[in-house]
């Protein structure tokens, strides 16, 4: 079991081991003291299939003692009604599994804007917060890019995911993002970064004391997802334990 007390609002991510099946990822999360989990719907081996019954995943989460904090919706693609239907199915699955947040993804600014009304409305009807995220190599990489998509979507119900690692990797600061989107942050992702690449927690450029203190001061009370990425297979357990220790200590100092 984890040697550090991790607040319940901290959620594990499938990025802990993207090559591992769901059972293995949930076991890693449980063993390291997590009580909640963020699900993906692509990329990772542990991805949820939005076409499957929610019960398929409900039992696995319960067996691991985890709740679902958030879910990445399938990416909506321009001119592809099947991808839009999959995103809407994802909202239904997130609601059925008790998540509080869904992450809306699209392939271009215009696609975000074209379908925002329908996707945001479905999330509202399901009682879910909905966010868009910055990510290197996607339609949103920078603070300015995030602002452009939010403006294009034209609804204050759409919130932003503060993806700390990807802002830092893109040469942006998480502080600038928090200033720009004050009061509109609905989800936070953390990892440590150095020279635009993930590194073990404590070796990078992210000041977790400053980050968590700022989140506490602004009254942010949503999930915080802990990610590790691009870790050699034989280091996953050690790097994850290190990440948990690092964030738990910083969270305690910040009063999160």
C-alpha atoms as a PDB file:
ATOM      1  CA  UNK A   1       0.000   0.000   0.000  1.00  0.00           C
ATOM      2  CA  UNK A   2       1.002   3.633  -0.462  1.00  0.00           C
ATOM      3  CA  UNK A   3       3.155   5.113   2.270  1.00  0.00           C
ATOM      4  CA  UNK A   4       1.549   8.543   1.843  1.00  0.00           C
ATOM      5  CA  UNK A   5      -2.032   9.658   2.394  1.00  0.00           C
ATOM      6  CA  UNK A   6      -3.320  10.837  -0.956  1.00  0.00           C
ATOM      7  CA  UNK A   7      -6.425  13.072  -0.818  1.00  0.00           C
ATOM      8  CA  UNK A   8      -9.431  11.488  -2.483  1.00  0.00           C
ATOM      9  CA  UNK A   9      -9.691  14.219  -5.102  1.00  0.00           C
ATOM     10  CA  UNK A  10      -6.434  12.986  -6.687  1.00  0.00           C
ATOM     11  CA  UNK A  11      -7.251  10.560  -9.513  1.00  0.00           C
ATOM     12  CA  UNK A  12      -5.086   8.001 -11.283  1.00  0.00           C
ATOM     13  CA  UNK A  13      -4.700   8.013 -15.060  1.00  0.00           C
ATOM     14  CA  UNK A  14      -4.310   5.165 -17.585  1.00  0.00           C
ATOM     15  CA  UNK A  15      -1.059   6.912 -18.581  1.00  0.00           C
ATOM     16  CA  UNK A  16       0.441   5.102 -15.565  1.00  0.00           C
ATOM     17  CA  UNK A  17       0.990   2.229 -17.997  1.00  0.00           C
ATOM     18  CA  UNK A  18      -0.685   2.719 -21.396  1.00  0.00           C
ATOM     19  CA  UNK A  19       0.315  -0.801 -22.466  1.00  0.00           C
ATOM     20  CA  UNK A  20      -1.422  -2.507 -19.555  1.00  0.00           C
ATOM     21  CA  UNK A  21      -4.996  -3.829 -19.475  1.00  0.00           C
ATOM     22  CA  UNK A  22      -7.557  -2.151 -17.267  1.00  0.00           C
ATOM     23  CA  UNK A  23      -7.191  -4.582 -14.367  1.00  0.00           C
ATOM     24  CA  UNK A  24      -3.471  -3.928 -14.075  1.00  0.00           C
ATOM     25  CA  UNK A  25      -3.914  -0.134 -14.198  1.00  0.00           C
ATOM     26  CA  UNK A  26      -6.641  -0.214 -11.555  1.00  0.00           C
ATOM     27  CA  UNK A  27      -4.452  -2.405  -9.347  1.00  0.00           C
ATOM     28  CA  UNK A  28      -1.584   0.096  -9.659  1.00  0.00           C
ATOM     29  CA  UNK A  29      -3.949   2.891  -8.691  1.00  0.00           C
ATOM     30  CA  UNK A  30      -5.357   1.034  -5.687  1.00  0.00           C
ATOM     31  CA  UNK A  31      -1.953  -0.085  -4.438  1.00  0.00           C
ATOM     32  CA  UNK A  32      -0.714   3.521  -4.491  1.00  0.00           C
ATOM     33  CA  UNK A  33      -3.589   4.936  -2.474  1.00  0.00           C
ATOM     34  CA  UNK A  34      -5.791   6.406  -5.184  1.00  0.00           C
ATOM     35  CA  UNK A  35      -9.522   6.413  -4.614  1.00  0.00           C
ATOM     36  CA  UNK A  36     -10.590   7.720  -8.007  1.00  0.00           C
ATOM     37  CA  UNK A  37      -9.705   7.183 -11.641  1.00  0.00           C
ATOM     38  CA  UNK A  38      -9.851   9.005 -14.970  1.00  0.00           C
ATOM     39  CA  UNK A  39     -10.816   6.913 -17.985  1.00  0.00           C
ATOM     40  CA  UNK A  40      -9.753   7.282 -21.594  1.00  0.00           C
ATOM     41  CA  UNK A  41     -11.683   6.046 -24.608  1.00  0.00           C
ATOM     42  CA  UNK A  42      -8.727   5.596 -26.965  1.00  0.00           C
ATOM     43  CA  UNK A  43      -4.910   5.306 -27.064  1.00  0.00           C
ATOM     44  CA  UNK A  44      -4.415   3.332 -23.834  1.00  0.00           C
ATOM     45  CA  UNK A  45      -4.917  -0.436 -23.609  1.00  0.00           C
ATOM     46  CA  UNK A  46      -7.178   0.265 -20.613  1.00  0.00           C
ATOM     47  CA  UNK A  47      -9.472   2.505 -22.673  1.00  0.00           C
ATOM     48  CA  UNK A  48     -13.205   2.266 -22.089  1.00  0.00           C
ATOM     49  CA  UNK A  49     -15.407   1.284 -25.037  1.00  0.00           C
ATOM     50  CA  UNK A  50     -18.355   3.723 -25.056  1.00  0.00           C
ATOM     51  CA  UNK A  51     -20.366   1.161 -27.026  1.00  0.00           C
ATOM     52  CA  UNK A  52     -20.184  -1.309 -24.133  1.00  0.00           C
ATOM     53  CA  UNK A  53     -22.585  -1.369 -21.175  1.00  0.00           C
ATOM     54  CA  UNK A  54     -21.443   0.835 -18.307  1.00  0.00           C
ATOM     55  CA  UNK A  55     -21.718  -2.221 -16.052  1.00  0.00           C
ATOM     56  CA  UNK A  56     -18.685  -3.623 -17.880  1.00  0.00           C
ATOM     57  CA  UNK A  57     -16.548  -1.041 -16.067  1.00  0.00           C
ATOM     58  CA  UNK A  58     -18.593  -0.407 -12.954  1.00  0.00           C
ATOM     59  CA  UNK A  59     -17.673  -3.772 -11.463  1.00  0.00           C
ATOM     60  CA  UNK A  60     -13.970  -3.361 -12.201  1.00  0.00           C
ATOM     61  CA  UNK A  61     -13.895   0.070 -10.570  1.00  0.00           C
ATOM     62  CA  UNK A  62     -15.803  -1.161  -7.514  1.00  0.00           C
ATOM     63  CA  UNK A  63     -13.540  -4.191  -7.117  1.00  0.00           C
ATOM     64  CA  UNK A  64     -10.552  -1.827  -7.031  1.00  0.00           C
ATOM     65  CA  UNK A  65     -12.255   0.509  -4.546  1.00  0.00           C
ATOM     66  CA  UNK A  66     -12.191   3.357  -7.067  1.00  0.00           C
ATOM     67  CA  UNK A  67     -14.772   5.835  -8.266  1.00  0.00           C
ATOM     68  CA  UNK A  68     -14.729   7.427 -11.727  1.00  0.00           C
ATOM     69  CA  UNK A  69     -13.693  11.089 -11.560  1.00  0.00           C
ATOM     70  CA  UNK A  70     -13.594  11.992 -15.238  1.00  0.00           C
ATOM     71  CA  UNK A  71     -13.756  10.535 -18.724  1.00  0.00           C
ATOM     72  CA  UNK A  72     -12.152  11.536 -22.036  1.00  0.00           C
ATOM     73  CA  UNK A  73     -14.858  11.561 -24.705  1.00  0.00           C
ATOM     74  CA  UNK A  74     -14.033  10.099 -28.114  1.00  0.00           C
ATOM     75  CA  UNK A  75     -12.654  12.794 -30.423  1.00  0.00           C
ATOM     76  CA  UNK A  76     -15.269  14.444 -32.661  1.00  0.00           C
ATOM     77  CA  UNK A  77     -14.107  14.643 -36.285  1.00  0.00           C
ATOM     78  CA  UNK A  78     -15.298  17.052 -38.933  1.00  0.00           C
ATOM     79  CA  UNK A  79     -17.994  15.562 -41.138  1.00  0.00           C
ATOM     80  CA  UNK A  80     -18.112  12.346 -39.112  1.00  0.00           C
ATOM     81  CA  UNK A  81     -21.486  11.815 -37.416  1.00  0.00           C
ATOM     82  CA  UNK A  82     -20.315   8.474 -35.991  1.00  0.00           C
ATOM     83  CA  UNK A  83     -17.639  10.240 -33.953  1.00  0.00           C
ATOM     84  CA  UNK A  84     -20.199  12.729 -32.637  1.00  0.00           C
ATOM     85  CA  UNK A  85     -22.534   9.887 -31.643  1.00  0.00           C
ATOM     86  CA  UNK A  86     -19.642   8.189 -29.835  1.00  0.00           C
ATOM     87  CA  UNK A  87     -18.933  11.365 -27.857  1.00  0.00           C
ATOM     88  CA  UNK A  88     -22.571  11.569 -26.823  1.00  0.00           C
ATOM     89  CA  UNK A  89     -22.489   7.888 -25.836  1.00  0.00           C
ATOM     90  CA  UNK A  90     -19.448   8.700 -23.722  1.00  0.00           C
ATOM     91  CA  UNK A  91     -21.437  11.316 -21.829  1.00  0.00           C
ATOM     92  CA  UNK A  92     -24.073   8.709 -21.068  1.00  0.00           C
ATOM     93  CA  UNK A  93     -21.428   6.270 -19.833  1.00  0.00           C
ATOM     94  CA  UNK A  94     -19.800   8.926 -17.630  1.00  0.00           C
ATOM     95  CA  UNK A  95     -23.158   9.716 -16.072  1.00  0.00           C
ATOM     96  CA  UNK A  96     -23.933   6.036 -15.469  1.00  0.00           C
ATOM     97  CA  UNK A  97     -20.556   5.501 -13.788  1.00  0.00           C
ATOM     98  CA  UNK A  98     -20.870   8.527 -11.510  1.00  0.00           C
ATOM     99  CA  UNK A  99     -18.166  10.750 -13.031  1.00  0.00           C
ATOM    100  CA  UNK A 100     -18.273  14.488 -12.436  1.00  0.00           C
ATOM    101  CA  UNK A 101     -16.370  15.719 -15.516  1.00  0.00           C
ATOM    102  CA  UNK A 102     -16.083  14.824 -19.203  1.00  0.00           C
ATOM    103  CA  UNK A 103     -13.391  16.031 -21.597  1.00  0.00           C
ATOM    104  CA  UNK A 104     -14.614  17.218 -25.006  1.00  0.00           C
ATOM    105  CA  UNK A 105     -12.139  16.714 -27.856  1.00  0.00           C
ATOM    106  CA  UNK A 106     -12.335  17.642 -31.531  1.00  0.00           C
ATOM    107  CA  UNK A 107      -9.983  17.671 -34.495  1.00  0.00           C
ATOM    108  CA  UNK A 108     -10.126  21.423 -35.227  1.00  0.00           C
ATOM    109  CA  UNK A 109     -11.350  24.722 -33.822  1.00  0.00           C
ATOM    110  CA  UNK A 110     -14.234  24.721 -36.303  1.00  0.00           C
ATOM    111  CA  UNK A 111     -15.311  21.232 -35.212  1.00  0.00           C
ATOM    112  CA  UNK A 112     -15.286  22.254 -31.546  1.00  0.00           C
ATOM    113  CA  UNK A 113     -17.494  25.225 -32.347  1.00  0.00           C
ATOM    114  CA  UNK A 114     -19.866  23.387 -34.696  1.00  0.00           C
ATOM    115  CA  UNK A 115     -20.781  20.716 -32.147  1.00  0.00           C
ATOM    116  CA  UNK A 116     -20.360  22.595 -28.869  1.00  0.00           C
ATOM    117  CA  UNK A 117     -24.067  23.261 -28.433  1.00  0.00           C
ATOM    118  CA  UNK A 118     -25.059  19.615 -28.745  1.00  0.00           C
ATOM    119  CA  UNK A 119     -22.183  18.181 -26.702  1.00  0.00           C
ATOM    120  CA  UNK A 120     -22.310  20.793 -23.942  1.00  0.00           C
ATOM    121  CA  UNK A 121     -26.096  20.481 -23.776  1.00  0.00           C
ATOM    122  CA  UNK A 122     -25.855  16.699 -23.367  1.00  0.00           C
ATOM    123  CA  UNK A 123     -23.336  17.136 -20.541  1.00  0.00           C
ATOM    124  CA  UNK A 124     -25.600  19.697 -18.862  1.00  0.00           C
ATOM    125  CA  UNK A 125     -28.570  17.353 -19.076  1.00  0.00           C
ATOM    126  CA  UNK A 126     -26.428  14.589 -17.541  1.00  0.00           C
ATOM    127  CA  UNK A 127     -25.347  16.825 -14.665  1.00  0.00           C
ATOM    128  CA  UNK A 128     -21.681  16.789 -15.733  1.00  0.00           C
ATOM    129  CA  UNK A 129     -19.078  19.499 -16.025  1.00  0.00           C
ATOM    130  CA  UNK A 130     -17.477  19.595 -19.465  1.00  0.00           C
ATOM    131  CA  UNK A 131     -13.962  20.803 -20.239  1.00  0.00           C
ATOM    132  CA  UNK A 132     -11.642  21.157 -23.207  1.00  0.00           C
ATOM    133  CA  UNK A 133      -7.944  20.451 -22.854  1.00  0.00           C
ATOM    134  CA  UNK A 134      -4.638  21.736 -24.148  1.00  0.00           C
ATOM    135  CA  UNK A 135      -2.304  19.114 -25.584  1.00  0.00           C
ATOM    136  CA  UNK A 136       0.804  19.396 -27.711  1.00  0.00           C
ATOM    137  CA  UNK A 137       0.049  18.425 -31.293  1.00  0.00           C
ATOM    138  CA  UNK A 138      -3.715  18.973 -30.950  1.00  0.00           C
ATOM    139  CA  UNK A 139      -6.029  21.803 -31.963  1.00  0.00           C
ATOM    140  CA  UNK A 140      -5.242  23.465 -28.614  1.00  0.00           C
ATOM    141  CA  UNK A 141      -1.609  23.840 -27.527  1.00  0.00           C
ATOM    142  CA  UNK A 142      -1.304  27.288 -25.935  1.00  0.00           C
ATOM    143  CA  UNK A 143      -3.196  29.687 -23.679  1.00  0.00           C
ATOM    144  CA  UNK A 144      -4.126  31.723 -26.752  1.00  0.00           C
ATOM    145  CA  UNK A 145      -5.327  28.571 -28.507  1.00  0.00           C
ATOM    146  CA  UNK A 146      -7.489  27.644 -25.537  1.00  0.00           C
ATOM    147  CA  UNK A 147      -9.021  31.135 -25.480  1.00  0.00           C
ATOM    148  CA  UNK A 148      -9.704  30.951 -29.223  1.00  0.00           C
ATOM    149  CA  UNK A 149     -11.624  27.667 -28.899  1.00  0.00           C
ATOM    150  CA  UNK A 150     -13.609  28.837 -25.868  1.00  0.00           C
ATOM    151  CA  UNK A 151     -14.582  32.004 -27.740  1.00  0.00           C
ATOM    152  CA  UNK A 152     -15.506  30.045 -30.861  1.00  0.00           C
ATOM    153  CA  UNK A 153     -17.748  27.687 -28.876  1.00  0.00           C
ATOM    154  CA  UNK A 154     -19.605  30.658 -27.421  1.00  0.00           C
ATOM    155  CA  UNK A 155     -20.850  29.119 -24.169  1.00  0.00           C
ATOM    156  CA  UNK A 156     -19.746  29.874 -20.640  1.00  0.00           C
ATOM    157  CA  UNK A 157     -20.791  26.343 -19.625  1.00  0.00           C
ATOM    158  CA  UNK A 158     -17.692  24.978 -21.342  1.00  0.00           C
ATOM    159  CA  UNK A 159     -14.766  24.979 -18.922  1.00  0.00           C
ATOM    160  CA  UNK A 160     -11.044  24.428 -19.319  1.00  0.00           C
ATOM    161  CA  UNK A 161      -8.772  21.616 -18.220  1.00  0.00           C
ATOM    162  CA  UNK A 162      -5.545  22.953 -16.752  1.00  0.00           C
ATOM    163  CA  UNK A 163      -3.089  20.502 -18.339  1.00  0.00           C
ATOM    164  CA  UNK A 164      -0.011  21.672 -16.476  1.00  0.00           C
ATOM    165  CA  UNK A 165       2.543  19.415 -18.149  1.00  0.00           C
ATOM    166  CA  UNK A 166       1.463  20.175 -21.691  1.00  0.00           C
ATOM    167  CA  UNK A 167       1.480  23.937 -21.089  1.00  0.00           C
ATOM    168  CA  UNK A 168       5.027  23.722 -19.716  1.00  0.00           C
ATOM    169  CA  UNK A 169       6.126  21.433 -22.580  1.00  0.00           C
ATOM    170  CA  UNK A 170       4.734  23.977 -25.071  1.00  0.00           C
ATOM    171  CA  UNK A 171       6.755  26.774 -23.479  1.00  0.00           C
ATOM    172  CA  UNK A 172       3.738  28.255 -21.701  1.00  0.00           C
ATOM    173  CA  UNK A 173       3.202  28.755 -17.980  1.00  0.00           C
ATOM    174  CA  UNK A 174       0.422  27.242 -15.946  1.00  0.00           C
ATOM    175  CA  UNK A 175       0.274  30.550 -14.058  1.00  0.00           C
ATOM    176  CA  UNK A 176      -0.676  32.359 -17.273  1.00  0.00           C
ATOM    177  CA  UNK A 177      -3.389  29.787 -17.918  1.00  0.00           C
ATOM    178  CA  UNK A 178      -4.802  30.203 -14.418  1.00  0.00           C
ATOM    179  CA  UNK A 179      -4.830  33.978 -14.855  1.00  0.00           C
ATOM    180  CA  UNK A 180      -6.511  33.737 -18.250  1.00  0.00           C
ATOM    181  CA  UNK A 181      -9.202  31.255 -17.207  1.00  0.00           C
ATOM    182  CA  UNK A 182      -9.825  32.224 -13.592  1.00  0.00           C
ATOM    183  CA  UNK A 183     -13.065  30.723 -12.357  1.00  0.00           C
ATOM    184  CA  UNK A 184     -13.372  28.518 -15.425  1.00  0.00           C
ATOM    185  CA  UNK A 185     -11.083  25.588 -14.555  1.00  0.00           C
ATOM    186  CA  UNK A 186     -13.053  22.366 -14.232  1.00  0.00           C
ATOM    187  CA  UNK A 187     -10.271  19.764 -14.124  1.00  0.00           C
ATOM    188  CA  UNK A 188      -6.503  19.680 -13.489  1.00  0.00           C
ATOM    189  CA  UNK A 189      -3.855  17.280 -14.842  1.00  0.00           C
ATOM    190  CA  UNK A 190      -0.336  17.201 -13.399  1.00  0.00           C
ATOM    191  CA  UNK A 191       3.000  15.685 -14.318  1.00  0.00           C
ATOM    192  CA  UNK A 192       6.573  16.906 -14.045  1.00  0.00           C
ATOM    193  CA  UNK A 193       8.344  18.200 -17.159  1.00  0.00           C
ATOM    194  CA  UNK A 194      11.905  19.123 -18.077  1.00  0.00           C
ATOM    195  CA  UNK A 195      13.061  20.274 -21.507  1.00  0.00           C
ATOM    196  CA  UNK A 196       9.555  19.576 -22.863  1.00  0.00           C
ATOM    197  CA  UNK A 197       9.632  15.898 -21.795  1.00  0.00           C
ATOM    198  CA  UNK A 198       8.122  14.030 -18.820  1.00  0.00           C
ATOM    199  CA  UNK A 199      10.547  13.274 -15.996  1.00  0.00           C
ATOM    200  CA  UNK A 200      10.209  11.682 -12.543  1.00  0.00           C
ATOM    201  CA  UNK A 201       8.363  13.917 -10.114  1.00  0.00           C
ATOM    202  CA  UNK A 202      10.709  16.341  -8.384  1.00  0.00           C
ATOM    203  CA  UNK A 203      13.230  16.427 -11.238  1.00  0.00           C
ATOM    204  CA  UNK A 204      11.388  18.820 -13.518  1.00  0.00           C
ATOM    205  CA  UNK A 205      10.276  22.413 -13.873  1.00  0.00           C
ATOM    206  CA  UNK A 206       6.861  22.212 -12.222  1.00  0.00           C
ATOM    207  CA  UNK A 207       6.700  23.832  -8.769  1.00  0.00           C
ATOM    208  CA  UNK A 208       4.012  21.683  -7.143  1.00  0.00           C
ATOM    209  CA  UNK A 209       4.021  23.711  -3.927  1.00  0.00           C
ATOM    210  CA  UNK A 210       3.237  26.871  -5.885  1.00  0.00           C
ATOM    211  CA  UNK A 211       0.698  25.100  -8.097  1.00  0.00           C
ATOM    212  CA  UNK A 212      -1.246  23.510  -5.250  1.00  0.00           C
ATOM    213  CA  UNK A 213      -1.101  26.667  -3.136  1.00  0.00           C
ATOM    214  CA  UNK A 214      -2.545  28.623  -6.037  1.00  0.00           C
ATOM    215  CA  UNK A 215      -5.300  26.065  -6.575  1.00  0.00           C
ATOM    216  CA  UNK A 216      -6.163  26.188  -2.858  1.00  0.00           C
ATOM    217  CA  UNK A 217      -6.173  29.989  -2.838  1.00  0.00           C
ATOM    218  CA  UNK A 218      -8.528  30.164  -5.821  1.00  0.00           C
ATOM    219  CA  UNK A 219     -10.960  27.703  -4.248  1.00  0.00           C
ATOM    220  CA  UNK A 220     -10.564  25.008  -6.895  1.00  0.00           C
ATOM    221  CA  UNK A 221     -12.304  21.921  -5.527  1.00  0.00           C
ATOM    222  CA  UNK A 222     -12.391  19.553  -8.510  1.00  0.00           C
ATOM    223  CA  UNK A 223     -10.365  16.459  -9.400  1.00  0.00           C
ATOM    224  CA  UNK A 224      -6.600  16.546  -9.876  1.00  0.00           C
ATOM    225  CA  UNK A 225      -5.343  13.769 -12.164  1.00  0.00           C
ATOM    226  CA  UNK A 226      -1.823  12.424 -11.596  1.00  0.00           C
ATOM    227  CA  UNK A 227      -0.016  11.307 -14.761  1.00  0.00           C
ATOM    228  CA  UNK A 228       3.318   9.660 -15.448  1.00  0.00           C
ATOM    229  CA  UNK A 229       4.334   9.192 -19.065  1.00  0.00           C
ATOM    230  CA  UNK A 230       6.951   7.453 -21.192  1.00  0.00           C
ATOM    231  CA  UNK A 231       8.292   5.433 -18.284  1.00  0.00           C
ATOM    232  CA  UNK A 232      10.290   2.237 -18.985  1.00  0.00           C
ATOM    233  CA  UNK A 233       8.333  -0.853 -17.974  1.00  0.00           C
ATOM    234  CA  UNK A 234      10.701  -1.761 -15.154  1.00  0.00           C
ATOM    235  CA  UNK A 235      10.377   1.702 -13.566  1.00  0.00           C
ATOM    236  CA  UNK A 236       6.604   2.149 -13.571  1.00  0.00           C
ATOM    237  CA  UNK A 237       5.956   1.081  -9.977  1.00  0.00           C
ATOM    238  CA  UNK A 238       8.874   3.089  -8.553  1.00  0.00           C
ATOM    239  CA  UNK A 239       8.050   6.221 -10.562  1.00  0.00           C
ATOM    240  CA  UNK A 240       4.392   6.020  -9.612  1.00  0.00           C
ATOM    241  CA  UNK A 241       5.215   5.659  -5.916  1.00  0.00           C
ATOM    242  CA  UNK A 242       7.544   8.637  -6.228  1.00  0.00           C
ATOM    243  CA  UNK A 243       4.832  10.690  -7.947  1.00  0.00           C
ATOM    244  CA  UNK A 244       2.312   9.891  -5.223  1.00  0.00           C
ATOM    245  CA  UNK A 245       4.762  10.816  -2.470  1.00  0.00           C
ATOM    246  CA  UNK A 246       5.639  14.084  -4.203  1.00  0.00           C
ATOM    247  CA  UNK A 247       2.082  15.254  -4.835  1.00  0.00           C
ATOM    248  CA  UNK A 248       0.779  14.064  -1.458  1.00  0.00           C
ATOM    249  CA  UNK A 249       3.465  16.041   0.396  1.00  0.00           C
ATOM    250  CA  UNK A 250       2.860  19.161  -1.706  1.00  0.00           C
ATOM    251  CA  UNK A 251      -0.908  18.834  -1.279  1.00  0.00           C
ATOM    252  CA  UNK A 252      -0.552  18.588   2.495  1.00  0.00           C
ATOM    253  CA  UNK A 253       1.655  21.683   2.601  1.00  0.00           C
ATOM    254  CA  UNK A 254      -0.856  23.582   0.461  1.00  0.00           C
ATOM    255  CA  UNK A 255      -3.863  22.437   2.467  1.00  0.00           C
ATOM    256  CA  UNK A 256      -5.591  20.788  -0.501  1.00  0.00           C
END
